[in-house]
Amino acid sequence: MIEFAPDRPRWRQVADVIRQRIADGTYSPGTRVPSVIQLQEEFGIAVSTSQKVNNGLRTEGMIYTTPGMGSFVAKDAAEILKAAGDDSRD
């Protein structure tokens, strides 16, 4: 589990961890990311918080979900992360 900052939503902090894992290659394009239940167990968060993590990452285009199969890293996730990093320097 991680030490959560009290001034930031937990789902955003967990999403940051998943983004970092995508960036460092722990989760490469096409590989499965942790399920809602796995996120709940690993980070000690509620199911609804885990769902927000997946929904947020899906909205960003970082992951996609296939019903009955799970959620996977999008093929262009690295480019999205790079573009987000470039935008933060402006």
C-alpha atoms as a PDB file:
ATOM      1  CA  MET A   1       0.000   0.000   0.000  1.00  0.00           C
ATOM      2  CA  ILE A   2       1.020   3.592  -0.469  1.00  0.00           C
ATOM      3  CA  GLU A   3       0.949   6.494   1.932  1.00  0.00           C
ATOM      4  CA  PHE A   4      -1.915   8.657   0.654  1.00  0.00           C
ATOM      5  CA  ALA A   5      -1.622  12.437   0.648  1.00  0.00           C
ATOM      6  CA  PRO A   6      -4.612  13.867   2.528  1.00  0.00           C
ATOM      7  CA  ASP A   7      -5.114  16.804   0.149  1.00  0.00           C
ATOM      8  CA  ARG A   8      -5.630  14.825  -3.076  1.00  0.00           C
ATOM      9  CA  PRO A   9      -8.293  12.283  -4.064  1.00  0.00           C
ATOM     10  CA  ARG A  10      -7.070   8.731  -3.544  1.00  0.00           C
ATOM     11  CA  TRP A  11      -8.243   7.616  -6.967  1.00  0.00           C
ATOM     12  CA  ARG A  12      -5.972  10.213  -8.580  1.00  0.00           C
ATOM     13  CA  GLN A  13      -3.014   9.042  -6.518  1.00  0.00           C
ATOM     14  CA  VAL A  14      -3.598   5.413  -7.498  1.00  0.00           C
ATOM     15  CA  ALA A  15      -4.046   6.458 -11.149  1.00  0.00           C
ATOM     16  CA  ASP A  16      -0.639   8.186 -10.894  1.00  0.00           C
ATOM     17  CA  VAL A  17       0.913   4.883  -9.770  1.00  0.00           C
ATOM     18  CA  ILE A  18      -0.650   3.023 -12.702  1.00  0.00           C
ATOM     19  CA  ARG A  19       0.493   5.770 -15.121  1.00  0.00           C
ATOM     20  CA  GLN A  20       4.029   5.472 -13.732  1.00  0.00           C
ATOM     21  CA  ARG A  21       3.954   1.711 -14.227  1.00  0.00           C
ATOM     22  CA  ILE A  22       2.871   2.252 -17.835  1.00  0.00           C
ATOM     23  CA  ALA A  23       5.644   4.828 -18.317  1.00  0.00           C
ATOM     24  CA  ASP A  24       8.359   2.578 -16.872  1.00  0.00           C
ATOM     25  CA  GLY A  25       7.235  -0.446 -18.877  1.00  0.00           C
ATOM     26  CA  THR A  26       5.840  -2.496 -15.989  1.00  0.00           C
ATOM     27  CA  TYR A  27       2.597  -2.513 -17.976  1.00  0.00           C
ATOM     28  CA  SER A  28       3.423  -2.449 -21.674  1.00  0.00           C
ATOM     29  CA  PRO A  29       0.901  -1.785 -24.470  1.00  0.00           C
ATOM     30  CA  GLY A  30      -1.644  -4.563 -24.772  1.00  0.00           C
ATOM     31  CA  THR A  31      -0.988  -5.995 -21.313  1.00  0.00           C
ATOM     32  CA  ARG A  32      -3.665  -6.239 -18.682  1.00  0.00           C
ATOM     33  CA  VAL A  33      -3.772  -3.667 -15.896  1.00  0.00           C
ATOM     34  CA  PRO A  34      -5.024  -4.623 -12.423  1.00  0.00           C
ATOM     35  CA  SER A  35      -8.743  -5.236 -12.105  1.00  0.00           C
ATOM     36  CA  VAL A  36     -10.979  -3.202  -9.828  1.00  0.00           C
ATOM     37  CA  ILE A  37     -10.705  -5.948  -7.195  1.00  0.00           C
ATOM     38  CA  GLN A  38      -6.908  -6.139  -7.550  1.00  0.00           C
ATOM     39  CA  LEU A  39      -6.625  -2.354  -7.138  1.00  0.00           C
ATOM     40  CA  GLN A  40      -8.828  -2.557  -4.061  1.00  0.00           C
ATOM     41  CA  GLU A  41      -6.617  -5.248  -2.538  1.00  0.00           C
ATOM     42  CA  GLU A  42      -3.265  -3.694  -3.457  1.00  0.00           C
ATOM     43  CA  PHE A  43      -4.033  -0.136  -2.382  1.00  0.00           C
ATOM     44  CA  GLY A  44      -6.614  -0.726   0.349  1.00  0.00           C
ATOM     45  CA  ILE A  45      -9.245   1.398  -1.390  1.00  0.00           C
ATOM     46  CA  ALA A  46     -12.984   0.983  -1.903  1.00  0.00           C
ATOM     47  CA  VAL A  47     -14.413  -0.661  -5.022  1.00  0.00           C
ATOM     48  CA  SER A  48     -15.949   2.664  -6.078  1.00  0.00           C
ATOM     49  CA  THR A  49     -12.513   4.312  -5.795  1.00  0.00           C
ATOM     50  CA  SER A  50     -10.990   1.542  -7.919  1.00  0.00           C
ATOM     51  CA  GLN A  51     -13.701   2.088 -10.513  1.00  0.00           C
ATOM     52  CA  LYS A  52     -12.828   5.799 -10.613  1.00  0.00           C
ATOM     53  CA  VAL A  53      -9.188   4.871 -11.288  1.00  0.00           C
ATOM     54  CA  ASN A  54     -10.145   2.757 -14.298  1.00  0.00           C
ATOM     55  CA  ASN A  55     -12.702   5.286 -15.543  1.00  0.00           C
ATOM     56  CA  GLY A  56     -10.170   8.112 -15.299  1.00  0.00           C
ATOM     57  CA  LEU A  57      -7.444   6.187 -17.129  1.00  0.00           C
ATOM     58  CA  ARG A  58      -9.952   5.115 -19.789  1.00  0.00           C
ATOM     59  CA  THR A  59     -11.091   8.724 -20.292  1.00  0.00           C
ATOM     60  CA  GLU A  60      -7.445   9.771 -20.759  1.00  0.00           C
ATOM     61  CA  GLY A  61      -6.986   7.056 -23.395  1.00  0.00           C
ATOM     62  CA  MET A  62      -4.389   5.233 -21.297  1.00  0.00           C
ATOM     63  CA  ILE A  63      -6.373   2.003 -21.094  1.00  0.00           C
ATOM     64  CA  TYR A  64      -9.258   0.322 -22.847  1.00  0.00           C
ATOM     65  CA  THR A  65     -11.690  -2.232 -21.462  1.00  0.00           C
ATOM     66  CA  THR A  66     -13.003  -5.301 -23.211  1.00  0.00           C
ATOM     67  CA  PRO A  67     -16.149  -6.648 -21.540  1.00  0.00           C
ATOM     68  CA  GLY A  68     -15.519 -10.044 -20.009  1.00  0.00           C
ATOM     69  CA  MET A  69     -11.762  -9.748 -20.568  1.00  0.00           C
ATOM     70  CA  GLY A  70     -10.514  -6.836 -18.461  1.00  0.00           C
ATOM     71  CA  SER A  71      -8.662  -3.573 -18.986  1.00  0.00           C
ATOM     72  CA  PHE A  72      -5.495  -3.254 -21.027  1.00  0.00           C
ATOM     73  CA  VAL A  73      -2.844  -0.627 -21.754  1.00  0.00           C
ATOM     74  CA  ALA A  74      -3.635   1.289 -24.940  1.00  0.00           C
ATOM     75  CA  LYS A  75      -1.071   0.979 -27.715  1.00  0.00           C
ATOM     76  CA  ASP A  76      -0.468   4.746 -27.747  1.00  0.00           C
ATOM     77  CA  ALA A  77      -0.345   5.178 -23.944  1.00  0.00           C
ATOM     78  CA  ALA A  78       3.364   6.079 -24.009  1.00  0.00           C
ATOM     79  CA  GLU A  79       2.714   8.849 -26.542  1.00  0.00           C
ATOM     80  CA  ILE A  80      -0.135  10.187 -24.395  1.00  0.00           C
ATOM     81  CA  LEU A  81       2.166  10.269 -21.367  1.00  0.00           C
ATOM     82  CA  LYS A  82       4.921  11.966 -23.355  1.00  0.00           C
ATOM     83  CA  ALA A  83       2.513  14.581 -24.678  1.00  0.00           C
ATOM     84  CA  ALA A  84       1.204  15.207 -21.167  1.00  0.00           C
ATOM     85  CA  GLY A  85       4.783  15.663 -19.947  1.00  0.00           C
ATOM     86  CA  ASP A  86       5.563  18.054 -22.780  1.00  0.00           C
ATOM     87  CA  ASP A  87       2.404  20.051 -22.015  1.00  0.00           C
ATOM     88  CA  SER A  88       3.411  20.481 -18.364  1.00  0.00           C
ATOM     89  CA  ARG A  89       6.599  22.290 -19.399  1.00  0.00           C
ATOM     90  CA  ASP A  90       4.758  25.078 -21.212  1.00  0.00           C
END
